Protein backbone atom coordinates (compact mmCIF):
# COMPACT_ATOMS: atom_id res chain seq x y z
CA UNK A 1 32.51 -72.18 -62.10
CA UNK A 2 29.86 -74.72 -61.83
CA UNK A 3 28.41 -73.14 -58.35
CA UNK A 4 28.48 -69.79 -60.32
CA UNK A 5 26.66 -71.04 -63.31
CA UNK A 6 24.04 -72.56 -61.24
CA UNK A 7 22.83 -69.33 -59.95
CA UNK A 8 21.99 -67.91 -63.56
CA UNK A 9 19.41 -68.60 -66.13
CA UNK A 10 22.05 -68.11 -68.96
CA UNK A 11 25.46 -66.91 -68.85
CA UNK A 12 28.74 -66.48 -70.77
CA UNK A 13 32.16 -65.69 -69.95
CA UNK A 14 31.24 -62.21 -69.42
CA UNK A 15 27.84 -61.92 -68.67
CA UNK A 16 25.49 -63.59 -66.22
CA UNK A 17 21.69 -63.24 -66.94
CA UNK A 18 18.71 -63.96 -64.33
CA UNK A 19 15.10 -63.73 -66.11
CA UNK A 20 12.33 -62.23 -63.64
CA UNK A 21 9.40 -62.82 -65.87
CA UNK A 22 6.82 -61.15 -63.40
CA UNK A 23 4.87 -57.81 -63.05
CA UNK A 24 6.95 -56.91 -59.72
CA UNK A 25 10.64 -58.37 -59.26
CA UNK A 26 12.07 -58.00 -55.72
CA UNK A 27 15.19 -58.58 -53.81
CA UNK A 28 14.71 -62.38 -53.24
CA UNK A 29 17.33 -64.69 -51.76
CA UNK A 30 17.83 -66.24 -54.99
CA UNK A 31 18.46 -62.91 -56.59
CA UNK A 32 21.15 -62.03 -53.98
CA UNK A 33 23.06 -65.10 -54.26
CA UNK A 34 23.00 -64.69 -58.27
CA UNK A 35 24.35 -61.12 -57.70
CA UNK A 36 27.18 -62.62 -55.52
CA UNK A 37 28.17 -65.23 -57.74
CA UNK A 38 28.38 -62.94 -60.85
CA UNK A 39 30.78 -60.55 -58.62
CA UNK A 40 32.67 -63.41 -57.66
CA UNK A 41 33.09 -64.82 -61.22
CA UNK A 42 33.74 -61.24 -62.35
CA UNK A 43 30.85 -61.30 -64.76
CA UNK A 44 28.36 -58.38 -65.46
CA UNK A 45 25.13 -58.96 -63.40
CA UNK A 46 22.05 -58.69 -65.66
CA UNK A 47 18.65 -58.93 -64.32
CA UNK A 48 16.10 -59.30 -67.44
CA UNK A 49 12.28 -58.40 -67.16
CA UNK A 50 9.51 -57.83 -69.71
CA UNK A 51 9.47 -54.03 -70.17
CA UNK A 52 5.96 -53.89 -68.15
CA UNK A 53 7.68 -55.39 -65.15
CA UNK A 54 8.47 -52.93 -62.08
CA UNK A 55 11.11 -53.27 -59.45
CA UNK A 56 10.97 -52.91 -55.62
CA UNK A 57 13.25 -49.99 -54.03
CA UNK A 58 16.07 -52.59 -52.86
CA UNK A 59 16.27 -54.28 -56.15
CA UNK A 60 16.17 -51.10 -57.86
CA UNK A 61 19.34 -49.79 -55.66
CA UNK A 62 20.98 -53.19 -55.91
CA UNK A 63 20.97 -53.12 -59.77
CA UNK A 64 22.34 -49.49 -59.81
CA UNK A 65 25.72 -50.53 -58.62
CA UNK A 66 28.78 -51.03 -60.77
CA UNK A 67 28.62 -54.07 -62.91
CA UNK A 68 24.85 -54.53 -62.73
CA UNK A 69 22.30 -53.51 -65.30
CA UNK A 70 18.17 -53.82 -65.30
CA UNK A 71 17.36 -55.04 -69.07
CA UNK A 72 13.90 -54.60 -70.29
CA UNK A 73 12.57 -56.64 -73.06
CA UNK A 74 10.35 -54.70 -75.28
CA UNK A 75 7.33 -56.29 -77.22
CA UNK A 76 9.38 -55.57 -80.42
CA UNK A 77 12.29 -57.81 -79.36
CA UNK A 78 14.52 -55.33 -78.41
CA UNK A 79 16.45 -54.58 -75.27
CA UNK A 80 17.04 -51.54 -73.22
CA UNK A 81 18.35 -50.28 -69.86
CA UNK A 82 15.49 -49.91 -67.48
CA UNK A 83 17.15 -47.03 -65.73
CA UNK A 84 18.02 -44.70 -68.85
CA UNK A 85 16.31 -46.01 -71.75
CA UNK A 86 19.16 -46.55 -73.68
CA UNK A 87 18.66 -49.43 -76.39
CA UNK A 88 21.03 -52.50 -76.05
CA UNK A 89 21.80 -55.64 -78.75
CA UNK A 90 23.16 -58.88 -77.87
CA UNK A 91 26.49 -59.52 -79.49
CA UNK A 92 26.70 -63.19 -78.29
CA UNK A 93 28.94 -62.60 -75.28
CA UNK A 94 27.83 -59.21 -73.62
CA UNK A 95 25.03 -56.52 -74.28
CA UNK A 96 26.46 -53.81 -76.23
CA UNK A 97 24.94 -50.27 -75.91
CA UNK A 98 23.38 -48.46 -79.03
CA UNK A 99 22.82 -44.62 -79.36
CA UNK A 100 19.24 -44.45 -79.46
CA UNK A 101 16.66 -44.56 -76.86
CA UNK A 102 13.93 -47.25 -76.64
CA UNK A 103 10.56 -45.82 -77.54
CA UNK A 104 8.83 -48.11 -74.76
CA UNK A 105 10.93 -46.07 -72.31
CA UNK A 106 9.34 -43.00 -73.06
CA UNK A 107 5.80 -44.10 -72.67
CA UNK A 108 4.01 -42.55 -70.05
CA UNK A 109 4.14 -44.74 -66.95
CA UNK A 110 0.92 -46.27 -65.46
CA UNK A 111 1.40 -45.34 -62.03
CA UNK A 112 0.55 -42.04 -60.81
CA UNK A 113 0.73 -42.15 -56.82
CA UNK A 114 2.34 -39.28 -55.17
CA UNK A 115 5.34 -40.28 -53.12
CA UNK A 116 7.36 -38.40 -50.52
CA UNK A 117 11.11 -39.71 -50.98
CA UNK A 118 13.56 -38.87 -47.75
CA UNK A 119 17.21 -39.74 -47.52
CA UNK A 120 19.55 -38.86 -44.55
CA UNK A 121 22.50 -39.51 -43.08
CA UNK A 122 24.48 -39.86 -39.69
CA UNK A 123 27.83 -40.70 -38.49
CA UNK A 124 27.90 -42.57 -34.91
CA UNK A 125 30.90 -42.95 -32.99
CA UNK A 126 32.55 -46.52 -33.10
CA UNK A 127 31.74 -47.40 -29.64
CA UNK A 128 29.72 -50.29 -27.84
CA UNK A 129 27.04 -47.28 -27.24
CA UNK A 130 26.06 -46.91 -30.79
CA UNK A 131 22.66 -48.20 -31.88
CA UNK A 132 22.30 -48.80 -35.73
CA UNK A 133 18.59 -47.99 -36.87
CA UNK A 134 17.78 -45.40 -34.41
CA UNK A 135 18.24 -42.63 -37.01
CA UNK A 136 16.27 -44.83 -39.76
CA UNK A 137 13.56 -44.91 -37.19
CA UNK A 138 13.42 -41.24 -36.49
CA UNK A 139 13.12 -40.93 -40.38
CA UNK A 140 10.05 -43.26 -40.39
CA UNK A 141 8.46 -41.83 -37.29
CA UNK A 142 8.57 -38.31 -38.81
CA UNK A 143 7.20 -39.27 -42.35
CA UNK A 144 4.98 -41.98 -41.22
CA UNK A 145 3.84 -41.58 -37.83
CA UNK A 146 5.29 -44.91 -36.83
CA UNK A 147 8.51 -46.99 -35.87
CA UNK A 148 9.53 -49.33 -38.84
CA UNK A 149 7.82 -52.84 -38.45
CA UNK A 150 10.57 -54.92 -39.65
CA UNK A 151 14.08 -55.54 -41.31
CA UNK A 152 16.09 -57.79 -43.38
CA UNK A 153 18.61 -58.60 -46.06
CA UNK A 154 16.18 -59.98 -48.77
CA UNK A 155 12.33 -59.46 -49.44
CA UNK A 156 10.15 -60.21 -47.81
CA UNK A 157 11.91 -59.11 -44.75
CA UNK A 158 12.13 -61.74 -41.79
CA UNK A 159 12.87 -59.80 -38.87
CA UNK A 160 10.86 -57.88 -36.56
CA UNK A 161 12.21 -54.31 -35.98
CA UNK A 162 14.63 -54.06 -33.12
CA UNK A 163 17.76 -51.98 -32.97
CA UNK A 164 19.70 -54.26 -30.76
CA UNK A 165 19.53 -57.17 -32.95
CA UNK A 166 20.09 -54.86 -36.26
CA UNK A 167 23.23 -53.55 -34.10
CA UNK A 168 24.35 -56.77 -33.59
CA UNK A 169 24.35 -58.12 -37.04
CA UNK A 170 26.02 -54.59 -38.44
CA UNK A 171 28.91 -55.29 -36.14
CA UNK A 172 29.25 -58.87 -36.90
CA UNK A 173 29.22 -57.70 -40.83
CA UNK A 174 31.89 -55.25 -40.57
CA UNK A 175 34.14 -54.25 -41.97
CA UNK A 176 31.70 -55.17 -44.90
CA UNK A 177 29.23 -52.82 -45.85
CA UNK A 178 25.64 -53.75 -44.47
CA UNK A 179 22.77 -53.25 -46.76
CA UNK A 180 19.45 -53.64 -45.02
CA UNK A 181 15.97 -53.35 -46.06
CA UNK A 182 13.72 -51.52 -43.53
CA UNK A 183 9.96 -51.53 -43.73
CA UNK A 184 7.27 -49.55 -41.77
CA UNK A 185 3.57 -48.57 -42.07
CA UNK A 186 1.64 -46.48 -44.53
CA UNK A 187 1.48 -42.92 -44.17
CA UNK A 188 -1.60 -42.05 -42.78
CA UNK A 189 -4.14 -41.79 -45.31
CA UNK A 190 -2.54 -44.26 -47.50
CA UNK A 191 -2.51 -47.87 -48.02
CA UNK A 192 0.94 -49.02 -49.10
CA UNK A 193 3.64 -49.89 -46.50
CA UNK A 194 6.42 -47.72 -46.48
CA UNK A 195 9.78 -49.07 -47.37
CA UNK A 196 13.63 -47.86 -47.11
CA UNK A 197 17.16 -48.89 -47.65
CA UNK A 198 19.58 -48.72 -44.85
CA UNK A 199 23.37 -48.78 -45.60
CA UNK A 200 25.95 -49.15 -42.63
CA UNK A 201 29.75 -48.80 -43.21
CA UNK A 202 32.40 -48.82 -40.86
CA UNK A 203 35.47 -46.40 -41.46
CA UNK A 204 38.35 -44.75 -39.57
CA UNK A 205 36.17 -41.86 -38.54
CA UNK A 206 33.09 -43.99 -37.20
CA UNK A 207 30.23 -45.88 -38.38
CA UNK A 208 28.30 -44.12 -41.28
CA UNK A 209 24.53 -44.74 -41.45
CA UNK A 210 22.63 -43.44 -44.33
CA UNK A 211 18.68 -44.32 -45.10
CA UNK A 212 16.46 -43.69 -48.22
CA UNK A 213 12.91 -43.93 -47.44
CA UNK A 214 9.93 -43.91 -49.71
CA UNK A 215 6.21 -43.85 -48.72
CA UNK A 216 3.12 -43.10 -50.56
CA UNK A 217 1.39 -39.73 -49.96
CA UNK A 218 -2.03 -38.33 -50.96
CA UNK A 219 -0.73 -34.67 -50.71
CA UNK A 220 2.55 -32.90 -50.96
CA UNK A 221 4.41 -32.14 -47.43
CA UNK A 222 2.68 -29.04 -46.12
CA UNK A 223 4.78 -26.31 -44.56
CA UNK A 224 4.35 -27.19 -41.03
CA UNK A 225 5.27 -30.86 -41.84
CA UNK A 226 8.51 -29.73 -43.61
CA UNK A 227 9.29 -27.29 -40.70
CA UNK A 228 8.62 -30.57 -38.55
CA UNK A 229 11.33 -32.44 -40.70
CA UNK A 230 13.96 -30.20 -40.57
CA UNK A 231 13.37 -30.09 -36.65
CA UNK A 232 13.33 -33.87 -36.33
CA UNK A 233 16.50 -34.05 -38.38
CA UNK A 234 18.40 -31.67 -36.00
CA UNK A 235 17.25 -33.88 -32.81
CA UNK A 236 18.39 -37.06 -34.84
CA UNK A 237 22.00 -35.41 -35.19
CA UNK A 238 21.64 -36.00 -38.87
CA UNK A 239 24.69 -34.51 -40.95
CA UNK A 240 22.33 -33.86 -44.07
CA UNK A 241 18.95 -34.41 -44.84
CA UNK A 242 16.47 -34.13 -47.82
CA UNK A 243 12.92 -34.74 -48.22
CA UNK A 244 11.09 -34.24 -51.73
CA UNK A 245 8.02 -35.15 -53.84
CA UNK A 246 7.98 -37.65 -56.84
CA UNK A 247 5.42 -38.91 -58.96
CA UNK A 248 4.74 -41.97 -61.44
CA UNK A 249 5.53 -44.82 -59.45
CA UNK A 250 2.96 -47.63 -58.83
CA UNK A 251 2.79 -48.72 -55.30
CA UNK A 252 6.40 -47.44 -54.48
CA UNK A 253 7.51 -49.60 -57.41
CA UNK A 254 9.73 -48.26 -60.08
CA UNK A 255 8.77 -48.67 -64.01
CA UNK A 256 11.25 -49.11 -66.78
CA UNK A 257 9.83 -45.87 -67.98
CA UNK A 258 10.95 -42.34 -67.53
CA UNK A 259 9.45 -41.00 -64.33
CA UNK A 260 11.40 -37.62 -63.93
CA UNK A 261 13.27 -36.77 -60.84
CA UNK A 262 12.39 -36.08 -57.05
CA UNK A 263 11.81 -32.49 -56.43
CA UNK A 264 13.49 -31.19 -53.01
CA UNK A 265 11.00 -29.72 -50.57
CA UNK A 266 13.20 -29.44 -47.57
CA UNK A 267 16.90 -29.93 -47.32
CA UNK A 268 18.87 -29.99 -44.16
CA UNK A 269 22.48 -29.49 -43.10
CA UNK A 270 23.61 -30.38 -39.54
CA UNK A 271 26.36 -28.51 -37.61
CA UNK A 272 29.18 -30.71 -39.31
CA UNK A 273 28.07 -29.76 -42.70
CA UNK A 274 28.00 -26.12 -41.89
CA UNK A 275 31.74 -25.98 -40.25
CA UNK A 276 33.54 -24.39 -43.31
CA UNK A 277 30.62 -21.84 -44.28
CA UNK A 278 29.40 -21.07 -40.45
CA UNK A 279 25.71 -20.89 -39.57
CA UNK A 280 24.97 -17.29 -40.19
CA UNK A 281 26.76 -17.16 -43.50
CA UNK A 282 25.12 -20.38 -44.49
CA UNK A 283 21.71 -18.94 -43.60
CA UNK A 284 22.43 -15.79 -45.84
CA UNK A 285 23.48 -17.87 -48.55
CA UNK A 286 20.20 -20.10 -48.47
CA UNK A 287 17.82 -17.39 -49.03
CA UNK A 288 14.49 -16.51 -47.38
CA UNK A 289 13.02 -19.67 -46.84
CA UNK A 290 15.90 -20.91 -44.61
CA UNK A 291 16.25 -20.87 -40.89
CA UNK A 292 18.81 -21.92 -38.28
CA UNK A 293 17.47 -24.93 -35.83
CA UNK A 294 19.00 -25.47 -32.57
CA UNK A 295 21.38 -23.03 -30.39
CA UNK A 296 25.00 -22.21 -30.98
CA UNK A 297 27.18 -23.75 -30.89
CA UNK A 298 25.56 -26.46 -32.49
CA UNK A 299 23.14 -25.07 -35.23
CA UNK A 300 21.81 -26.61 -38.17
CA UNK A 301 20.35 -25.09 -41.50
CA UNK A 302 16.89 -26.14 -42.93
CA UNK A 303 15.59 -24.90 -46.19
CA UNK A 304 12.39 -25.44 -47.55
CA UNK A 305 11.43 -24.73 -51.29
CA UNK A 306 8.46 -23.40 -53.22
CA UNK A 307 6.25 -25.98 -54.95
CA UNK A 308 5.55 -23.65 -57.79
CA UNK A 309 8.92 -22.19 -58.94
CA UNK A 310 7.03 -19.47 -60.73
CA UNK A 311 7.73 -15.69 -60.92
CA UNK A 312 11.25 -15.90 -62.06
CA UNK A 313 12.17 -18.25 -59.10
CA UNK A 314 14.69 -21.03 -59.39
CA UNK A 315 13.39 -24.50 -59.96
CA UNK A 316 13.93 -26.21 -56.48
CA UNK A 317 16.49 -28.64 -57.76
CA UNK A 318 18.40 -26.20 -59.26
CA UNK A 319 18.30 -24.08 -55.84
CA UNK A 320 19.26 -26.97 -54.07
CA UNK A 321 21.99 -27.93 -56.03
CA UNK A 322 23.53 -24.40 -55.99
CA UNK A 323 23.55 -24.25 -52.08
CA UNK A 324 25.00 -27.78 -51.75
CA UNK A 325 27.83 -26.52 -54.04
CA UNK A 326 28.47 -23.35 -51.75
CA UNK A 327 28.19 -25.49 -48.38
CA UNK A 328 29.94 -28.74 -49.41
CA UNK A 329 31.92 -28.21 -52.43
CA UNK A 330 29.37 -29.77 -54.55
CA UNK A 331 29.41 -33.06 -52.24
CA UNK A 332 26.15 -33.98 -50.25
């Protein structure tokens, strides 16, 4: 218990709190140790920041795990969940949820950067020839024009990009899940380095690699760029992938404010995802902006979405959700 307690700024039998009184909170080695200590001692892990603070993508994702919460402290002394805006109160042992939303959560964020958000997944065979990170590199190349520059398990990352080293680390970590931070160059015409999170999981069916990437973008992806994304994901043997646009981030950092949702721009479904439906049937179900990529028997489906869902068209998010339900029973 003493070793656990030393990792926290404040704790009770059920709650472990770490204060991050800084404009930008990131996934440091100390925060990683505190998270592990909280899990081992079966406490809720709370990262407390001022309401004006922002989180990097790796810390943002970590705090969305079960048993974690991002608690923002508003100027009036109230607490709220930085992800949902739900207000909380301290009862002496835990943070207890209340019914109302915090007014600070509904304030307009200061960031206005345009962002391309992409995610994808691939299933590798569990063999010595598998190279972890090659799929992530393909995603970075497509959206930033260059290979990733580095990787690590904390911020800032410590290792230069090398898929052989990354593969070795993941195999040594297995069967535990590996959560890897990947960084890269800014997208052309922008200044902020791109950042992604790579998750590698070993199972009875193989090695599952999933990637989420954020990069700053001056303009939305063009039709040609969306078509290129679909083709690149087919060449990389992705099972599924999705590229979209979001706003209201500040240098790819997440505020404790409502920022809306990412709007799909291009969705991709590889041959495995089309097994139950069939390529031609999937093409018919996906609508006029869909196309098949590749040649039989290994064809993929790529769908682009209108940026302006006017004229009675569905919103891209609704259109995407409906297609996923048809192709994969609601799972993506």
